[in-house]
Amino acid sequence: MIRPYKLKDKKELIDVFKQNIPTYFDLKEVKDFQDYLQKYSASYYTIFYKKKIVGGVGCYLEGKNRIGRITWIFFHPKYTGLGLGKKAIEHSLSILKLSSELEKVVVTTSQLAYKFFEKFGFVLEKIEKDYWGLGLDLYLMELSFNNNS
């Protein structure tokens, strides 16, 4: 189940997020994630598996609704391989596609997860070494749409 984020989810989400350090996230990103939840909670979704919080994903529109972003997607390591990531991306894309002006969706990820996004048609546009932290490179990816998508 995926539902809009609620303040009561914060502690569990941060605990799940921390389970992904240092493999997928740098320690300094905990504060960045907390700031995102504080400022942009309306654009975040909590992901459940068997009534337990196991991850989250953010998605929002910018640029007069022409550019969508999918951000802060993560899962507890014990719950990978269950298709939850696919459901999170499909959920996010369905929300973003509500904008008839949508031209593209942007994801910033790392060398550890970019292949996952390629499965949905995202194309690698740029790499920056050690962007997120030592050994965690930025992979900027885009999925383009025409106005009839």
C-alpha atoms as a PDB file:
ATOM      1  CA  MET A   1       0.000   0.000   0.000  1.00  0.00           C
ATOM      2  CA  ILE A   2       1.149   3.509  -0.804  1.00  0.00           C
ATOM      3  CA  ARG A   3      -0.500   6.476   0.866  1.00  0.00           C
ATOM      4  CA  PRO A   4       0.303  10.157   1.412  1.00  0.00           C
ATOM      5  CA  TYR A   5       2.897  10.796   4.119  1.00  0.00           C
ATOM      6  CA  LYS A   6       1.641  11.633   7.595  1.00  0.00           C
ATOM      7  CA  LEU A   7       3.671  13.263  10.352  1.00  0.00           C
ATOM      8  CA  LYS A   8       3.310  10.109  12.453  1.00  0.00           C
ATOM      9  CA  ASP A   9       5.347   8.248   9.770  1.00  0.00           C
ATOM     10  CA  LYS A  10       8.451  10.410  10.231  1.00  0.00           C
ATOM     11  CA  LYS A  11      10.329   8.430  12.881  1.00  0.00           C
ATOM     12  CA  GLU A  12       9.825   5.064  11.167  1.00  0.00           C
ATOM     13  CA  LEU A  13      10.748   6.477   7.755  1.00  0.00           C
ATOM     14  CA  ILE A  14      13.956   7.950   9.135  1.00  0.00           C
ATOM     15  CA  ASP A  15      14.766   4.619  10.783  1.00  0.00           C
ATOM     16  CA  VAL A  16      14.230   2.835   7.444  1.00  0.00           C
ATOM     17  CA  PHE A  17      16.299   5.493   5.670  1.00  0.00           C
ATOM     18  CA  LYS A  18      19.186   4.923   8.088  1.00  0.00           C
ATOM     19  CA  GLN A  19      19.147   1.212   7.236  1.00  0.00           C
ATOM     20  CA  ASN A  20      20.424   2.259   3.793  1.00  0.00           C
ATOM     21  CA  ILE A  21      23.522   4.078   5.127  1.00  0.00           C
ATOM     22  CA  PRO A  22      26.311   3.831   3.971  1.00  0.00           C
ATOM     23  CA  THR A  23      25.363   1.560   1.051  1.00  0.00           C
ATOM     24  CA  TYR A  24      22.859   3.815  -0.752  1.00  0.00           C
ATOM     25  CA  PHE A  25      22.962   7.098   1.157  1.00  0.00           C
ATOM     26  CA  ASP A  26      25.574   9.190   2.936  1.00  0.00           C
ATOM     27  CA  LEU A  27      25.075   9.986   6.623  1.00  0.00           C
ATOM     28  CA  LYS A  28      24.768  13.707   5.865  1.00  0.00           C
ATOM     29  CA  GLU A  29      21.674  12.961   3.780  1.00  0.00           C
ATOM     30  CA  VAL A  30      19.604  12.149   6.892  1.00  0.00           C
ATOM     31  CA  LYS A  31      19.268  15.882   7.573  1.00  0.00           C
ATOM     32  CA  ASP A  32      18.473  16.572   3.908  1.00  0.00           C
ATOM     33  CA  PHE A  33      15.691  13.978   4.026  1.00  0.00           C
ATOM     34  CA  GLN A  34      14.321  15.419   7.287  1.00  0.00           C
ATOM     35  CA  ASP A  35      14.327  18.897   5.716  1.00  0.00           C
ATOM     36  CA  TYR A  36      12.445  17.547   2.694  1.00  0.00           C
ATOM     37  CA  LEU A  37       9.790  16.003   4.915  1.00  0.00           C
ATOM     38  CA  GLN A  38       9.487  19.270   6.837  1.00  0.00           C
ATOM     39  CA  LYS A  39       9.112  21.468   3.749  1.00  0.00           C
ATOM     40  CA  TYR A  40       7.524  19.175   1.172  1.00  0.00           C
ATOM     41  CA  SER A  41       5.509  16.633   3.116  1.00  0.00           C
ATOM     42  CA  ALA A  42       2.568  17.042   0.728  1.00  0.00           C
ATOM     43  CA  SER A  43       4.666  15.529  -2.070  1.00  0.00           C
ATOM     44  CA  TYR A  44       5.839  12.455  -0.155  1.00  0.00           C
ATOM     45  CA  TYR A  45       4.314   8.971   0.063  1.00  0.00           C
ATOM     46  CA  THR A  46       4.773   6.241   2.645  1.00  0.00           C
ATOM     47  CA  ILE A  47       5.068   2.666   1.422  1.00  0.00           C
ATOM     48  CA  PHE A  48       3.732  -0.232   3.483  1.00  0.00           C
ATOM     49  CA  TYR A  49       4.166  -3.979   3.255  1.00  0.00           C
ATOM     50  CA  LYS A  50       1.914  -6.110   5.455  1.00  0.00           C
ATOM     51  CA  LYS A  51       0.893  -2.995   7.419  1.00  0.00           C
ATOM     52  CA  LYS A  52       4.549  -2.101   8.194  1.00  0.00           C
ATOM     53  CA  ILE A  53       6.318   1.033   6.935  1.00  0.00           C
ATOM     54  CA  VAL A  54       9.066  -0.231   4.642  1.00  0.00           C
ATOM     55  CA  GLY A  55       9.918   2.789   2.500  1.00  0.00           C
ATOM     56  CA  GLY A  56       8.926   5.985   0.835  1.00  0.00           C
ATOM     57  CA  VAL A  57       8.989   8.023  -2.362  1.00  0.00           C
ATOM     58  CA  GLY A  58       8.538  11.677  -3.243  1.00  0.00           C
ATOM     59  CA  CYS A  59       7.185  13.115  -6.470  1.00  0.00           C
ATOM     60  CA  TYR A  60       6.278  16.631  -7.476  1.00  0.00           C
ATOM     61  CA  LEU A  61       5.852  18.952 -10.438  1.00  0.00           C
ATOM     62  CA  GLU A  62       7.927  22.047 -11.104  1.00  0.00           C
ATOM     63  CA  GLY A  63       8.546  24.458 -13.946  1.00  0.00           C
ATOM     64  CA  LYS A  64       4.873  25.304 -14.499  1.00  0.00           C
ATOM     65  CA  ASN A  65       4.101  21.569 -14.368  1.00  0.00           C
ATOM     66  CA  ARG A  66       6.395  20.714 -17.282  1.00  0.00           C
ATOM     67  CA  ILE A  67       9.022  18.875 -15.219  1.00  0.00           C
ATOM     68  CA  GLY A  68       8.244  16.090 -12.778  1.00  0.00           C
ATOM     69  CA  ARG A  69      10.665  14.824 -10.172  1.00  0.00           C
ATOM     70  CA  ILE A  70      10.842  11.527  -8.335  1.00  0.00           C
ATOM     71  CA  THR A  71      12.940  11.778  -5.214  1.00  0.00           C
ATOM     72  CA  TRP A  72      13.907  10.146  -1.932  1.00  0.00           C
ATOM     73  CA  ILE A  73      12.898   6.641  -2.955  1.00  0.00           C
ATOM     74  CA  PHE A  74      14.170   3.967  -0.579  1.00  0.00           C
ATOM     75  CA  PHE A  75      13.175   0.738   1.141  1.00  0.00           C
ATOM     76  CA  HIS A  76      14.250  -1.258   4.136  1.00  0.00           C
ATOM     77  CA  PRO A  77      16.896  -3.721   2.859  1.00  0.00           C
ATOM     78  CA  LYS A  78      14.823  -6.678   4.121  1.00  0.00           C
ATOM     79  CA  TYR A  79      12.005  -5.728   1.730  1.00  0.00           C
ATOM     80  CA  THR A  80      13.847  -5.463  -1.571  1.00  0.00           C
ATOM     81  CA  GLY A  81      12.922  -7.742  -4.441  1.00  0.00           C
ATOM     82  CA  LEU A  82       9.198  -7.665  -3.687  1.00  0.00           C
ATOM     83  CA  GLY A  83       8.239  -5.315  -6.530  1.00  0.00           C
ATOM     84  CA  LEU A  84       7.711  -2.373  -4.183  1.00  0.00           C
ATOM     85  CA  GLY A  85      10.114  -0.154  -6.131  1.00  0.00           C
ATOM     86  CA  LYS A  86       8.200  -0.817  -9.339  1.00  0.00           C
ATOM     87  CA  LYS A  87       4.936   0.040  -7.593  1.00  0.00           C
ATOM     88  CA  ALA A  88       6.467   3.251  -6.189  1.00  0.00           C
ATOM     89  CA  ILE A  89       7.658   4.401  -9.620  1.00  0.00           C
ATOM     90  CA  GLU A  90       4.361   3.508 -11.288  1.00  0.00           C
ATOM     91  CA  HIS A  91       2.479   5.354  -8.523  1.00  0.00           C
ATOM     92  CA  SER A  92       4.696   8.431  -8.895  1.00  0.00           C
ATOM     93  CA  LEU A  93       4.435   8.480 -12.692  1.00  0.00           C
ATOM     94  CA  SER A  94       0.642   8.185 -12.531  1.00  0.00           C
ATOM     95  CA  ILE A  95       0.520  11.265 -10.285  1.00  0.00           C
ATOM     96  CA  LEU A  96       2.946  13.255 -12.424  1.00  0.00           C
ATOM     97  CA  LYS A  97       1.138  12.367 -15.658  1.00  0.00           C
ATOM     98  CA  LEU A  98      -1.973  14.124 -14.361  1.00  0.00           C
ATOM     99  CA  SER A  99      -0.327  17.292 -15.641  1.00  0.00           C
ATOM    100  CA  SER A 100      -1.162  17.609 -19.334  1.00  0.00           C
ATOM    101  CA  GLU A 101       1.895  19.858 -19.691  1.00  0.00           C
ATOM    102  CA  LEU A 102       4.385  17.229 -18.454  1.00  0.00           C
ATOM    103  CA  GLU A 103       7.445  17.112 -20.717  1.00  0.00           C
ATOM    104  CA  LYS A 104       9.842  15.020 -18.666  1.00  0.00           C
ATOM    105  CA  VAL A 105      10.488  13.375 -15.312  1.00  0.00           C
ATOM    106  CA  VAL A 106      13.884  13.773 -13.656  1.00  0.00           C
ATOM    107  CA  VAL A 107      15.499  11.407 -11.151  1.00  0.00           C
ATOM    108  CA  THR A 108      18.772  11.960  -9.333  1.00  0.00           C
ATOM    109  CA  THR A 109      20.151   8.641  -8.155  1.00  0.00           C
ATOM    110  CA  SER A 110      23.494   6.878  -7.855  1.00  0.00           C
ATOM    111  CA  GLN A 111      25.523   4.270  -9.706  1.00  0.00           C
ATOM    112  CA  LEU A 112      23.912   1.697  -7.419  1.00  0.00           C
ATOM    113  CA  ALA A 113      20.334   2.288  -8.573  1.00  0.00           C
ATOM    114  CA  TYR A 114      20.414   3.803 -12.049  1.00  0.00           C
ATOM    115  CA  LYS A 115      19.860   0.437 -13.790  1.00  0.00           C
ATOM    116  CA  PHE A 116      16.540   0.154 -11.932  1.00  0.00           C
ATOM    117  CA  PHE A 117      15.352   3.448 -13.448  1.00  0.00           C
ATOM    118  CA  GLU A 118      16.483   2.394 -16.927  1.00  0.00           C
ATOM    119  CA  LYS A 119      13.798  -0.328 -16.789  1.00  0.00           C
ATOM    120  CA  PHE A 120      11.181   2.456 -16.887  1.00  0.00           C
ATOM    121  CA  GLY A 121      12.798   4.253 -19.818  1.00  0.00           C
ATOM    122  CA  PHE A 122      14.878   6.780 -17.890  1.00  0.00           C
ATOM    123  CA  VAL A 123      18.006   7.809 -19.792  1.00  0.00           C
ATOM    124  CA  LEU A 124      21.300   8.780 -18.160  1.00  0.00           C
ATOM    125  CA  GLU A 125      22.085  12.455 -18.807  1.00  0.00           C
ATOM    126  CA  LYS A 126      24.960  13.267 -16.425  1.00  0.00           C
ATOM    127  CA  ILE A 127      27.321  11.736 -13.858  1.00  0.00           C
ATOM    128  CA  GLU A 128      29.113  13.597 -11.021  1.00  0.00           C
ATOM    129  CA  LYS A 129      31.653  11.638  -8.995  1.00  0.00           C
ATOM    130  CA  ASP A 130      31.296  11.580  -5.187  1.00  0.00           C
ATOM    131  CA  TYR A 131      28.307  13.956  -5.328  1.00  0.00           C
ATOM    132  CA  TRP A 132      26.268  12.387  -2.523  1.00  0.00           C
ATOM    133  CA  GLY A 133      29.324  11.327  -0.524  1.00  0.00           C
ATOM    134  CA  LEU A 134      32.585   9.484  -1.013  1.00  0.00           C
ATOM    135  CA  GLY A 135      31.917   6.666  -3.486  1.00  0.00           C
ATOM    136  CA  LEU A 136      28.308   7.728  -4.135  1.00  0.00           C
ATOM    137  CA  ASP A 137      28.077   9.353  -7.553  1.00  0.00           C
ATOM    138  CA  LEU A 138      25.192  11.429  -8.881  1.00  0.00           C
ATOM    139  CA  TYR A 139      23.419   9.873 -11.865  1.00  0.00           C
ATOM    140  CA  LEU A 140      20.967  12.371 -13.316  1.00  0.00           C
ATOM    141  CA  MET A 141      18.348  10.610 -15.414  1.00  0.00           C
ATOM    142  CA  GLU A 142      15.391  11.784 -17.484  1.00  0.00           C
ATOM    143  CA  LEU A 143      12.255  10.246 -18.928  1.00  0.00           C
ATOM    144  CA  SER A 144      10.804  12.346 -21.761  1.00  0.00           C
ATOM    145  CA  PHE A 145       7.155  12.594 -22.764  1.00  0.00           C
ATOM    146  CA  ASN A 146       5.410  14.152 -25.683  1.00  0.00           C
ATOM    147  CA  ASN A 147       2.235  16.098 -25.027  1.00  0.00           C
ATOM    148  CA  ASN A 148       0.109  13.036 -25.809  1.00  0.00           C
ATOM    149  CA  SER A 149       1.550  10.774 -23.062  1.00  0.00           C
END
